[in-house]
Amino acid sequence: MGPLVSGLAARGKFIVVGVPQDPIQLNAFPLVFGGRSIYGTLTGTPIDSEDTLAFSVLENIRPMIETLPLEQAADAYARMMQGKARFRMVLIVKEEVAPGAPANMVRSA
């Protein structure tokens, strides 16, 4: 990740989300002379989430998901916990809804 810091604009921020397994090695020169900064978070701030969603809409980025019916929630959870889920597991819930409303509602596992 260290080499990415020099690609930041002046006063840019490098946000490490989560905990990498390997140590981060970097050169202090681009930090000091570019006014750049690095900070870490486990989940990001609400503003980071809003910025990420806005960027996703702007660039038409869509998530890759696997769907299963709610009745298979235990199977979805087991696949996720065993590391066998390839993408985010999404449970599909069918409910009685008013006319004109969507027939399927989607909830994340």
PDB file of N, CA and C in Angstrom:
ATOM      1  N   MET A   1       0.809  -1.202   0.000  1.00  0.00           N
ATOM      2  CA  MET A   1       0.000   0.000   0.000  1.00  0.00           C
ATOM      3  C   MET A   1       0.849   1.261   0.000  1.00  0.00           C
ATOM      4  N   GLY A   2       2.039   1.188   0.542  1.00  0.00           N
ATOM      5  CA  GLY A   2       2.891   2.358   0.666  1.00  0.00           C
ATOM      6  C   GLY A   2       3.088   3.144  -0.618  1.00  0.00           C
ATOM      7  N   PRO A   3       3.360   2.476  -1.766  1.00  0.00           N
ATOM      8  CA  PRO A   3       3.577   3.217  -3.009  1.00  0.00           C
ATOM      9  C   PRO A   3       2.355   4.022  -3.470  1.00  0.00           C
ATOM     10  N   LEU A   4       1.171   3.659  -3.008  1.00  0.00           N
ATOM     11  CA  LEU A   4      -0.037   4.375  -3.416  1.00  0.00           C
ATOM     12  C   LEU A   4      -0.106   5.786  -2.843  1.00  0.00           C
ATOM     13  N   VAL A   5       0.575   6.031  -1.732  1.00  0.00           N
ATOM     14  CA  VAL A   5       0.517   7.339  -1.072  1.00  0.00           C
ATOM     15  C   VAL A   5       1.005   8.443  -1.996  1.00  0.00           C
ATOM     16  N   SER A   6       2.053   8.191  -2.762  1.00  0.00           N
ATOM     17  CA  SER A   6       2.581   9.240  -3.638  1.00  0.00           C
ATOM     18  C   SER A   6       1.614   9.561  -4.781  1.00  0.00           C
ATOM     19  N   GLY A   7       0.627   8.721  -5.021  1.00  0.00           N
ATOM     20  CA  GLY A   7      -0.384   8.985  -6.044  1.00  0.00           C
ATOM     21  C   GLY A   7      -1.504   9.889  -5.572  1.00  0.00           C
ATOM     22  N   LEU A   8      -1.514  10.210  -4.289  1.00  0.00           N
ATOM     23  CA  LEU A   8      -2.538  11.097  -3.752  1.00  0.00           C
ATOM     24  C   LEU A   8      -2.278  12.539  -4.164  1.00  0.00           C
ATOM     25  N   ALA A   9      -3.332  13.313  -4.301  1.00  0.00           N
ATOM     26  CA  ALA A   9      -3.198  14.752  -4.533  1.00  0.00           C
ATOM     27  C   ALA A   9      -2.627  15.390  -3.268  1.00  0.00           C
ATOM     28  N   ALA A  10      -2.124  16.616  -3.402  1.00  0.00           N
ATOM     29  CA  ALA A  10      -1.655  17.344  -2.222  1.00  0.00           C
ATOM     30  C   ALA A  10      -2.797  17.426  -1.213  1.00  0.00           C
ATOM     31  N   ARG A  11      -2.477  17.216   0.044  1.00  0.00           N
ATOM     32  CA  ARG A  11      -3.433  17.188   1.149  1.00  0.00           C
ATOM     33  C   ARG A  11      -4.457  16.052   1.013  1.00  0.00           C
ATOM     34  N   GLY A  12      -4.119  15.038   0.208  1.00  0.00           N
ATOM     35  CA  GLY A  12      -4.996  13.882   0.051  1.00  0.00           C
ATOM     36  C   GLY A  12      -4.917  12.967   1.256  1.00  0.00           C
ATOM     37  N   LYS A  13      -5.929  12.133   1.413  1.00  0.00           N
ATOM     38  CA  LYS A  13      -6.002  11.198   2.545  1.00  0.00           C
ATOM     39  C   LYS A  13      -6.012   9.766   2.018  1.00  0.00           C
ATOM     40  N   PHE A  14      -5.222   8.928   2.637  1.00  0.00           N
ATOM     41  CA  PHE A  14      -5.200   7.494   2.345  1.00  0.00           C
ATOM     42  C   PHE A  14      -5.878   6.812   3.521  1.00  0.00           C
ATOM     43  N   ILE A  15      -7.008   6.186   3.276  1.00  0.00           N
ATOM     44  CA  ILE A  15      -7.785   5.566   4.350  1.00  0.00           C
ATOM     45  C   ILE A  15      -7.628   4.054   4.264  1.00  0.00           C
ATOM     46  N   VAL A  16      -7.096   3.464   5.318  1.00  0.00           N
ATOM     47  CA  VAL A  16      -6.951   2.018   5.399  1.00  0.00           C
ATOM     48  C   VAL A  16      -8.178   1.498   6.143  1.00  0.00           C
ATOM     49  N   VAL A  17      -9.016   0.737   5.441  1.00  0.00           N
ATOM     50  CA  VAL A  17     -10.226   0.175   6.052  1.00  0.00           C
ATOM     51  C   VAL A  17      -9.955  -1.286   6.338  1.00  0.00           C
ATOM     52  N   GLY A  18     -10.077  -1.662   7.596  1.00  0.00           N
ATOM     53  CA  GLY A  18      -9.760  -3.019   8.004  1.00  0.00           C
ATOM     54  C   GLY A  18      -8.307  -3.118   8.416  1.00  0.00           C
ATOM     55  N   VAL A  19      -7.851  -4.326   8.645  1.00  0.00           N
ATOM     56  CA  VAL A  19      -6.487  -4.546   9.113  1.00  0.00           C
ATOM     57  C   VAL A  19      -5.756  -5.448   8.120  1.00  0.00           C
ATOM     58  N   PRO A  20      -4.756  -4.898   7.417  1.00  0.00           N
ATOM     59  CA  PRO A  20      -4.005  -5.744   6.489  1.00  0.00           C
ATOM     60  C   PRO A  20      -3.143  -6.743   7.242  1.00  0.00           C
ATOM     61  N   GLN A  21      -2.843  -7.866   6.620  1.00  0.00           N
ATOM     62  CA  GLN A  21      -2.013  -8.887   7.265  1.00  0.00           C
ATOM     63  C   GLN A  21      -0.542  -8.503   7.275  1.00  0.00           C
ATOM     64  N   ASP A  22      -0.110  -7.789   6.256  1.00  0.00           N
ATOM     65  CA  ASP A  22       1.299  -7.419   6.149  1.00  0.00           C
ATOM     66  C   ASP A  22       1.520  -5.996   6.665  1.00  0.00           C
ATOM     67  N   PRO A  23       2.715  -5.702   7.178  1.00  0.00           N
ATOM     68  CA  PRO A  23       3.021  -4.332   7.600  1.00  0.00           C
ATOM     69  C   PRO A  23       2.986  -3.380   6.401  1.00  0.00           C
ATOM     70  N   ILE A  24       2.644  -2.144   6.655  1.00  0.00           N
ATOM     71  CA  ILE A  24       2.636  -1.131   5.607  1.00  0.00           C
ATOM     72  C   ILE A  24       3.973  -0.400   5.647  1.00  0.00           C
ATOM     73  N   GLN A  25       4.699  -0.453   4.547  1.00  0.00           N
ATOM     74  CA  GLN A  25       5.970   0.258   4.445  1.00  0.00           C
ATOM     75  C   GLN A  25       5.765   1.431   3.505  1.00  0.00           C
ATOM     76  N   LEU A  26       6.254   2.597   3.908  1.00  0.00           N
ATOM     77  CA  LEU A  26       6.094   3.756   3.049  1.00  0.00           C
ATOM     78  C   LEU A  26       7.220   4.756   3.242  1.00  0.00           C
ATOM     79  N   ASN A  27       7.359   5.609   2.258  1.00  0.00           N
ATOM     80  CA  ASN A  27       8.348   6.663   2.267  1.00  0.00           C
ATOM     81  C   ASN A  27       7.692   7.911   2.865  1.00  0.00           C
ATOM     82  N   ALA A  28       8.332   8.547   3.839  1.00  0.00           N
ATOM     83  CA  ALA A  28       7.757   9.720   4.499  1.00  0.00           C
ATOM     84  C   ALA A  28       7.788  10.961   3.610  1.00  0.00           C
ATOM     85  N   PHE A  29       8.624  10.980   2.588  1.00  0.00           N
ATOM     86  CA  PHE A  29       8.767  12.165   1.734  1.00  0.00           C
ATOM     87  C   PHE A  29       7.431  12.644   1.157  1.00  0.00           C
ATOM     88  N   PRO A  30       6.622  11.773   0.509  1.00  0.00           N
ATOM     89  CA  PRO A  30       5.356  12.261  -0.044  1.00  0.00           C
ATOM     90  C   PRO A  30       4.367  12.707   1.031  1.00  0.00           C
ATOM     91  N   LEU A  31       4.478  12.141   2.221  1.00  0.00           N
ATOM     92  CA  LEU A  31       3.593  12.576   3.303  1.00  0.00           C
ATOM     93  C   LEU A  31       3.915  14.004   3.737  1.00  0.00           C
ATOM     94  N   VAL A  32       5.185  14.235   4.011  1.00  0.00           N
ATOM     95  CA  VAL A  32       5.620  15.516   4.558  1.00  0.00           C
ATOM     96  C   VAL A  32       5.497  16.639   3.535  1.00  0.00           C
ATOM     97  N   PHE A  33       5.991  16.406   2.311  1.00  0.00           N
ATOM     98  CA  PHE A  33       6.026  17.485   1.330  1.00  0.00           C
ATOM     99  C   PHE A  33       4.730  17.641   0.541  1.00  0.00           C
ATOM    100  N   GLY A  34       3.833  16.687   0.648  1.00  0.00           N
ATOM    101  CA  GLY A  34       2.553  16.812  -0.047  1.00  0.00           C
ATOM    102  C   GLY A  34       1.407  17.098   0.895  1.00  0.00           C
ATOM    103  N   GLY A  35       1.707  17.150   2.190  1.00  0.00           N
ATOM    104  CA  GLY A  35       0.635  17.368   3.152  1.00  0.00           C
ATOM    105  C   GLY A  35      -0.371  16.233   3.159  1.00  0.00           C
ATOM    106  N   ARG A  36       0.063  15.061   2.734  1.00  0.00           N
ATOM    107  CA  ARG A  36      -0.838  13.910   2.680  1.00  0.00           C
ATOM    108  C   ARG A  36      -0.937  13.264   4.061  1.00  0.00           C
ATOM    109  N   SER A  37      -1.991  12.456   4.243  1.00  0.00           N
ATOM    110  CA  SER A  37      -2.154  11.794   5.532  1.00  0.00           C
ATOM    111  C   SER A  37      -2.685  10.381   5.329  1.00  0.00           C
ATOM    112  N   ILE A  38      -2.443   9.563   6.324  1.00  0.00           N
ATOM    113  CA  ILE A  38      -2.933   8.187   6.349  1.00  0.00           C
ATOM    114  C   ILE A  38      -3.679   7.990   7.658  1.00  0.00           C
ATOM    115  N   TYR A  39      -4.854   7.404   7.582  1.00  0.00           N
ATOM    116  CA  TYR A  39      -5.516   7.018   8.820  1.00  0.00           C
ATOM    117  C   TYR A  39      -6.263   5.717   8.602  1.00  0.00           C
ATOM    118  N   GLY A  40      -6.570   5.042   9.678  1.00  0.00           N
ATOM    119  CA  GLY A  40      -7.199   3.738   9.592  1.00  0.00           C
ATOM    120  C   GLY A  40      -8.516   3.690  10.325  1.00  0.00           C
ATOM    121  N   THR A  41      -9.369   2.784   9.904  1.00  0.00           N
ATOM    122  CA  THR A  41     -10.663   2.586  10.523  1.00  0.00           C
ATOM    123  C   THR A  41     -11.107   1.155  10.230  1.00  0.00           C
ATOM    124  N   LEU A  42     -11.903   0.592  11.098  1.00  0.00           N
ATOM    125  CA  LEU A  42     -12.418  -0.757  10.840  1.00  0.00           C
ATOM    126  C   LEU A  42     -13.558  -0.743   9.839  1.00  0.00           C
ATOM    127  N   THR A  43     -14.391   0.298   9.876  1.00  0.00           N
ATOM    128  CA  THR A  43     -15.555   0.328   8.996  1.00  0.00           C
ATOM    129  C   THR A  43     -15.692   1.611   8.197  1.00  0.00           C
ATOM    130  N   GLY A  44     -14.941   2.635   8.515  1.00  0.00           N
ATOM    131  CA  GLY A  44     -15.109   3.926   7.853  1.00  0.00           C
ATOM    132  C   GLY A  44     -16.138   4.769   8.588  1.00  0.00           C
ATOM    133  N   THR A  45     -16.137   6.043   8.288  1.00  0.00           N
ATOM    134  CA  THR A  45     -17.102   6.957   8.919  1.00  0.00           C
ATOM    135  C   THR A  45     -18.379   6.993   8.090  1.00  0.00           C
ATOM    136  N   PRO A  46     -19.466   7.526   8.641  1.00  0.00           N
ATOM    137  CA  PRO A  46     -20.683   7.669   7.833  1.00  0.00           C
ATOM    138  C   PRO A  46     -20.452   8.502   6.568  1.00  0.00           C
ATOM    139  N   ILE A  47     -19.626   9.528   6.653  1.00  0.00           N
ATOM    140  CA  ILE A  47     -19.344  10.347   5.471  1.00  0.00           C
ATOM    141  C   ILE A  47     -18.574   9.524   4.434  1.00  0.00           C
ATOM    142  N   ASP A  48     -17.626   8.673   4.893  1.00  0.00           N
ATOM    143  CA  ASP A  48     -16.910   7.791   3.966  1.00  0.00           C
ATOM    144  C   ASP A  48     -17.895   6.881   3.233  1.00  0.00           C
ATOM    145  N   SER A  49     -18.866   6.352   3.957  1.00  0.00           N
ATOM    146  CA  SER A  49     -19.870   5.476   3.346  1.00  0.00           C
ATOM    147  C   SER A  49     -20.702   6.235   2.319  1.00  0.00           C
ATOM    148  N   GLU A  50     -21.104   7.452   2.653  1.00  0.00           N
ATOM    149  CA  GLU A  50     -21.875   8.266   1.710  1.00  0.00           C
ATOM    150  C   GLU A  50     -21.058   8.559   0.456  1.00  0.00           C
ATOM    151  N   ASP A  51     -19.778   8.917   0.636  1.00  0.00           N
ATOM    152  CA  ASP A  51     -18.909   9.192  -0.510  1.00  0.00           C
ATOM    153  C   ASP A  51     -18.740   7.949  -1.381  1.00  0.00           C
ATOM    154  N   THR A  52     -18.598   6.794  -0.749  1.00  0.00           N
ATOM    155  CA  THR A  52     -18.438   5.542  -1.485  1.00  0.00           C
ATOM    156  C   THR A  52     -19.686   5.235  -2.298  1.00  0.00           C
ATOM    157  N   LEU A  53     -20.858   5.401  -1.679  1.00  0.00           N
ATOM    158  CA  LEU A  53     -22.106   5.138  -2.396  1.00  0.00           C
ATOM    159  C   LEU A  53     -22.299   6.123  -3.546  1.00  0.00           C
ATOM    160  N   ALA A  54     -21.977   7.396  -3.321  1.00  0.00           N
ATOM    161  CA  ALA A  54     -22.100   8.398  -4.385  1.00  0.00           C
ATOM    162  C   ALA A  54     -21.181   8.056  -5.554  1.00  0.00           C
ATOM    163  N   PHE A  55     -19.957   7.632  -5.250  1.00  0.00           N
ATOM    164  CA  PHE A  55     -19.014   7.235  -6.297  1.00  0.00           C
ATOM    165  C   PHE A  55     -19.543   6.025  -7.062  1.00  0.00           C
ATOM    166  N   SER A  56     -20.134   5.064  -6.342  1.00  0.00           N
ATOM    167  CA  SER A  56     -20.681   3.868  -6.983  1.00  0.00           C
ATOM    168  C   SER A  56     -21.802   4.229  -7.952  1.00  0.00           C
ATOM    169  N   VAL A  57     -22.649   5.160  -7.562  1.00  0.00           N
ATOM    170  CA  VAL A  57     -23.729   5.603  -8.443  1.00  0.00           C
ATOM    171  C   VAL A  57     -23.151   6.321  -9.656  1.00  0.00           C
ATOM    172  N   LEU A  58     -22.201   7.210  -9.417  1.00  0.00           N
ATOM    173  CA  LEU A  58     -21.580   7.977 -10.497  1.00  0.00           C
ATOM    174  C   LEU A  58     -20.926   7.080 -11.539  1.00  0.00           C
ATOM    175  N   GLU A  59     -20.259   6.022 -11.086  1.00  0.00           N
ATOM    176  CA  GLU A  59     -19.527   5.131 -11.984  1.00  0.00           C
ATOM    177  C   GLU A  59     -20.299   3.861 -12.340  1.00  0.00           C
ATOM    178  N   ASN A  60     -21.574   3.784 -11.927  1.00  0.00           N
ATOM    179  CA  ASN A  60     -22.429   2.629 -12.204  1.00  0.00           C
ATOM    180  C   ASN A  60     -21.806   1.324 -11.701  1.00  0.00           C
ATOM    181  N   ILE A  61     -21.272   1.352 -10.491  1.00  0.00           N
ATOM    182  CA  ILE A  61     -20.668   0.177  -9.869  1.00  0.00           C
ATOM    183  C   ILE A  61     -21.759  -0.565  -9.102  1.00  0.00           C
ATOM    184  N   ARG A  62     -21.889  -1.842  -9.359  1.00  0.00           N
ATOM    185  CA  ARG A  62     -22.914  -2.665  -8.709  1.00  0.00           C
ATOM    186  C   ARG A  62     -22.242  -3.787  -7.928  1.00  0.00           C
ATOM    187  N   PRO A  63     -22.863  -4.216  -6.816  1.00  0.00           N
ATOM    188  CA  PRO A  63     -22.265  -5.301  -6.033  1.00  0.00           C
ATOM    189  C   PRO A  63     -22.431  -6.648  -6.726  1.00  0.00           C
ATOM    190  N   MET A  64     -21.528  -7.550  -6.422  1.00  0.00           N
ATOM    191  CA  MET A  64     -21.648  -8.930  -6.876  1.00  0.00           C
ATOM    192  C   MET A  64     -22.214  -9.709  -5.693  1.00  0.00           C
ATOM    193  N   ILE A  65     -23.372 -10.335  -5.881  1.00  0.00           N
ATOM    194  CA  ILE A  65     -24.060 -10.997  -4.775  1.00  0.00           C
ATOM    195  C   ILE A  65     -24.493 -12.407  -5.175  1.00  0.00           C
ATOM    196  N   GLU A  66     -24.754 -13.200  -4.155  1.00  0.00           N
ATOM    197  CA  GLU A  66     -25.411 -14.499  -4.319  1.00  0.00           C
ATOM    198  C   GLU A  66     -26.739 -14.382  -3.599  1.00  0.00           C
ATOM    199  N   THR A  67     -27.812 -14.859  -4.211  1.00  0.00           N
ATOM    200  CA  THR A  67     -29.119 -14.793  -3.566  1.00  0.00           C
ATOM    201  C   THR A  67     -29.625 -16.186  -3.230  1.00  0.00           C
ATOM    202  N   LEU A  68     -30.305 -16.258  -2.091  1.00  0.00           N
ATOM    203  CA  LEU A  68     -30.977 -17.485  -1.661  1.00  0.00           C
ATOM    204  C   LEU A  68     -32.297 -17.088  -1.030  1.00  0.00           C
ATOM    205  N   PRO A  69     -33.306 -17.956  -1.090  1.00  0.00           N
ATOM    206  CA  PRO A  69     -34.559 -17.645  -0.401  1.00  0.00           C
ATOM    207  C   PRO A  69     -34.354 -17.654   1.117  1.00  0.00           C
ATOM    208  N   LEU A  70     -35.174 -16.903   1.822  1.00  0.00           N
ATOM    209  CA  LEU A  70     -35.061 -16.801   3.275  1.00  0.00           C
ATOM    210  C   LEU A  70     -35.086 -18.174   3.940  1.00  0.00           C
ATOM    211  N   GLU A  71     -35.806 -19.106   3.359  1.00  0.00           N
ATOM    212  CA  GLU A  71     -35.898 -20.451   3.933  1.00  0.00           C
ATOM    213  C   GLU A  71     -34.530 -21.145   3.981  1.00  0.00           C
ATOM    214  N   GLN A  72     -33.580 -20.690   3.198  1.00  0.00           N
ATOM    215  CA  GLN A  72     -32.240 -21.278   3.184  1.00  0.00           C
ATOM    216  C   GLN A  72     -31.224 -20.393   3.917  1.00  0.00           C
ATOM    217  N   ALA A  73     -31.706 -19.587   4.860  1.00  0.00           N
ATOM    218  CA  ALA A  73     -30.830 -18.670   5.604  1.00  0.00           C
ATOM    219  C   ALA A  73     -29.726 -19.431   6.342  1.00  0.00           C
ATOM    220  N   ALA A  74     -30.064 -20.564   6.925  1.00  0.00           N
ATOM    221  CA  ALA A  74     -29.050 -21.339   7.655  1.00  0.00           C
ATOM    222  C   ALA A  74     -27.947 -21.801   6.709  1.00  0.00           C
ATOM    223  N   ASP A  75     -28.328 -22.211   5.496  1.00  0.00           N
ATOM    224  CA  ASP A  75     -27.334 -22.636   4.509  1.00  0.00           C
ATOM    225  C   ASP A  75     -26.445 -21.460   4.081  1.00  0.00           C
ATOM    226  N   ALA A  76     -27.061 -20.301   3.873  1.00  0.00           N
ATOM    227  CA  ALA A  76     -26.301 -19.110   3.486  1.00  0.00           C
ATOM    228  C   ALA A  76     -25.302 -18.738   4.583  1.00  0.00           C
ATOM    229  N   TYR A  77     -25.761 -18.790   5.826  1.00  0.00           N
ATOM    230  CA  TYR A  77     -24.882 -18.451   6.956  1.00  0.00           C
ATOM    231  C   TYR A  77     -23.725 -19.450   7.061  1.00  0.00           C
ATOM    232  N   ALA A  78     -24.041 -20.726   6.905  1.00  0.00           N
ATOM    233  CA  ALA A  78     -23.001 -21.760   6.983  1.00  0.00           C
ATOM    234  C   ALA A  78     -21.972 -21.571   5.866  1.00  0.00           C
ATOM    235  N   ARG A  79     -22.422 -21.291   4.647  1.00  0.00           N
ATOM    236  CA  ARG A  79     -21.494 -21.059   3.527  1.00  0.00           C
ATOM    237  C   ARG A  79     -20.599 -19.862   3.819  1.00  0.00           C
ATOM    238  N   MET A  80     -21.198 -18.807   4.384  1.00  0.00           N
ATOM    239  CA  MET A  80     -20.437 -17.603   4.700  1.00  0.00           C
ATOM    240  C   MET A  80     -19.386 -17.896   5.773  1.00  0.00           C
ATOM    241  N   MET A  81     -19.767 -18.586   6.829  1.00  0.00           N
ATOM    242  CA  MET A  81     -18.853 -18.872   7.934  1.00  0.00           C
ATOM    243  C   MET A  81     -17.745 -19.849   7.537  1.00  0.00           C
ATOM    244  N   GLN A  82     -18.014 -20.706   6.558  1.00  0.00           N
ATOM    245  CA  GLN A  82     -17.006 -21.663   6.075  1.00  0.00           C
ATOM    246  C   GLN A  82     -16.113 -21.062   4.989  1.00  0.00           C
ATOM    247  N   GLY A  83     -16.371 -19.798   4.627  1.00  0.00           N
ATOM    248  CA  GLY A  83     -15.583 -19.159   3.588  1.00  0.00           C
ATOM    249  C   GLY A  83     -15.924 -19.648   2.196  1.00  0.00           C
ATOM    250  N   LYS A  84     -17.084 -20.262   2.029  1.00  0.00           N
ATOM    251  CA  LYS A  84     -17.487 -20.801   0.729  1.00  0.00           C
ATOM    252  C   LYS A  84     -18.359 -19.843  -0.068  1.00  0.00           C
ATOM    253  N   ALA A  85     -18.806 -18.762   0.550  1.00  0.00           N
ATOM    254  CA  ALA A  85     -19.606 -17.774  -0.172  1.00  0.00           C
ATOM    255  C   ALA A  85     -18.666 -17.004  -1.092  1.00  0.00           C
ATOM    256  N   ARG A  86     -18.974 -17.000  -2.360  1.00  0.00           N
ATOM    257  CA  ARG A  86     -18.097 -16.305  -3.303  1.00  0.00           C
ATOM    258  C   ARG A  86     -18.314 -14.801  -3.244  1.00  0.00           C
ATOM    259  N   PHE A  87     -19.548 -14.376  -3.045  1.00  0.00           N
ATOM    260  CA  PHE A  87     -19.892 -12.964  -2.966  1.00  0.00           C
ATOM    261  C   PHE A  87     -20.722 -12.739  -1.706  1.00  0.00           C
ATOM    262  N   ARG A  88     -21.250 -11.544  -1.556  1.00  0.00           N
ATOM    263  CA  ARG A  88     -22.121 -11.250  -0.416  1.00  0.00           C
ATOM    264  C   ARG A  88     -23.388 -12.084  -0.552  1.00  0.00           C
ATOM    265  N   MET A  89     -23.791 -12.709   0.547  1.00  0.00           N
ATOM    266  CA  MET A  89     -25.000 -13.531   0.549  1.00  0.00           C
ATOM    267  C   MET A  89     -26.203 -12.634   0.826  1.00  0.00           C
ATOM    268  N   VAL A  90     -27.216 -12.725  -0.042  1.00  0.00           N
ATOM    269  CA  VAL A  90     -28.421 -11.908   0.093  1.00  0.00           C
ATOM    270  C   VAL A  90     -29.620 -12.838   0.150  1.00  0.00           C
ATOM    271  N   LEU A  91     -30.446 -12.649   1.183  1.00  0.00           N
ATOM    272  CA  LEU A  91     -31.648 -13.455   1.345  1.00  0.00           C
ATOM    273  C   LEU A  91     -32.823 -12.754   0.677  1.00  0.00           C
ATOM    274  N   ILE A  92     -33.583 -13.503  -0.103  1.00  0.00           N
ATOM    275  CA  ILE A  92     -34.754 -12.962  -0.791  1.00  0.00           C
ATOM    276  C   ILE A  92     -35.990 -13.306   0.035  1.00  0.00           C
ATOM    277  N   VAL A  93     -36.752 -12.279   0.372  1.00  0.00           N
ATOM    278  CA  VAL A  93     -37.945 -12.441   1.198  1.00  0.00           C
ATOM    279  C   VAL A  93     -39.165 -12.103   0.361  1.00  0.00           C
ATOM    280  N   LYS A  94     -40.086 -13.042   0.259  1.00  0.00           N
ATOM    281  CA  LYS A  94     -41.345 -12.784  -0.440  1.00  0.00           C
ATOM    282  C   LYS A  94     -42.399 -12.474   0.609  1.00  0.00           C
ATOM    283  N   GLU A  95     -43.069 -11.340   0.424  1.00  0.00           N
ATOM    284  CA  GLU A  95     -44.096 -10.920   1.373  1.00  0.00           C
ATOM    285  C   GLU A  95     -45.343 -10.491   0.620  1.00  0.00           C
ATOM    286  N   GLU A  96     -46.473 -10.539   1.311  1.00  0.00           N
ATOM    287  CA  GLU A  96     -47.695  -9.983   0.763  1.00  0.00           C
ATOM    288  C   GLU A  96     -47.546  -8.471   0.796  1.00  0.00           C
ATOM    289  N   VAL A  97     -47.762  -7.806  -0.346  1.00  0.00           N
ATOM    290  CA  VAL A  97     -47.601  -6.364  -0.418  1.00  0.00           C
ATOM    291  C   VAL A  97     -48.807  -5.740  -1.089  1.00  0.00           C
ATOM    292  N   ALA A  98     -48.925  -4.452  -0.928  1.00  0.00           N
ATOM    293  CA  ALA A  98     -50.019  -3.714  -1.545  1.00  0.00           C
ATOM    294  C   ALA A  98     -49.865  -3.736  -3.065  1.00  0.00           C
ATOM    295  N   PRO A  99     -50.968  -3.636  -3.815  1.00  0.00           N
ATOM    296  CA  PRO A  99     -50.880  -3.601  -5.284  1.00  0.00           C
ATOM    297  C   PRO A  99     -49.955  -2.467  -5.742  1.00  0.00           C
ATOM    298  N   GLY A 100     -49.111  -2.770  -6.720  1.00  0.00           N
ATOM    299  CA  GLY A 100     -48.192  -1.767  -7.251  1.00  0.00           C
ATOM    300  C   GLY A 100     -46.850  -1.733  -6.550  1.00  0.00           C
ATOM    301  N   ALA A 101     -46.757  -2.346  -5.368  1.00  0.00           N
ATOM    302  CA  ALA A 101     -45.485  -2.369  -4.638  1.00  0.00           C
ATOM    303  C   ALA A 101     -44.661  -3.547  -5.136  1.00  0.00           C
ATOM    304  N   PRO A 102     -43.322  -3.486  -4.980  1.00  0.00           N
ATOM    305  CA  PRO A 102     -42.474  -4.612  -5.422  1.00  0.00           C
ATOM    306  C   PRO A 102     -42.851  -5.900  -4.696  1.00  0.00           C
ATOM    307  N   ALA A 103     -42.844  -7.019  -5.418  1.00  0.00           N
ATOM    308  CA  ALA A 103     -43.217  -8.301  -4.827  1.00  0.00           C
ATOM    309  C   ALA A 103     -42.088  -8.891  -3.976  1.00  0.00           C
ATOM    310  N   ASN A 104     -40.824  -8.570  -4.297  1.00  0.00           N
ATOM    311  CA  ASN A 104     -39.694  -9.122  -3.562  1.00  0.00           C
ATOM    312  C   ASN A 104     -38.972  -8.016  -2.799  1.00  0.00           C
ATOM    313  N   MET A 105     -38.601  -8.299  -1.601  1.00  0.00           N
ATOM    314  CA  MET A 105     -37.784  -7.386  -0.818  1.00  0.00           C
ATOM    315  C   MET A 105     -36.456  -8.086  -0.593  1.00  0.00           C
ATOM    316  N   VAL A 106     -35.359  -7.347  -0.589  1.00  0.00           N
ATOM    317  CA  VAL A 106     -34.039  -7.931  -0.452  1.00  0.00           C
ATOM    318  C   VAL A 106     -33.432  -7.484   0.869  1.00  0.00           C
ATOM    319  N   ARG A 107     -32.928  -8.433   1.630  1.00  0.00           N
ATOM    320  CA  ARG A 107     -32.240  -8.133   2.887  1.00  0.00           C
ATOM    321  C   ARG A 107     -30.908  -8.848   2.870  1.00  0.00           C
ATOM    322  N   SER A 108     -29.867  -8.192   3.357  1.00  0.00           N
ATOM    323  CA  SER A 108     -28.537  -8.799   3.368  1.00  0.00           C
ATOM    324  C   SER A 108     -28.384  -9.776   4.517  1.00  0.00           C
ATOM    325  N   ALA A 109     -27.600 -10.829   4.257  1.00  0.00           N
ATOM    326  CA  ALA A 109     -27.315 -11.814   5.298  1.00  0.00           C
ATOM    327  C   ALA A 109     -26.180 -11.326   6.157  1.00  0.00           C
TER     328      ALA A 109
END
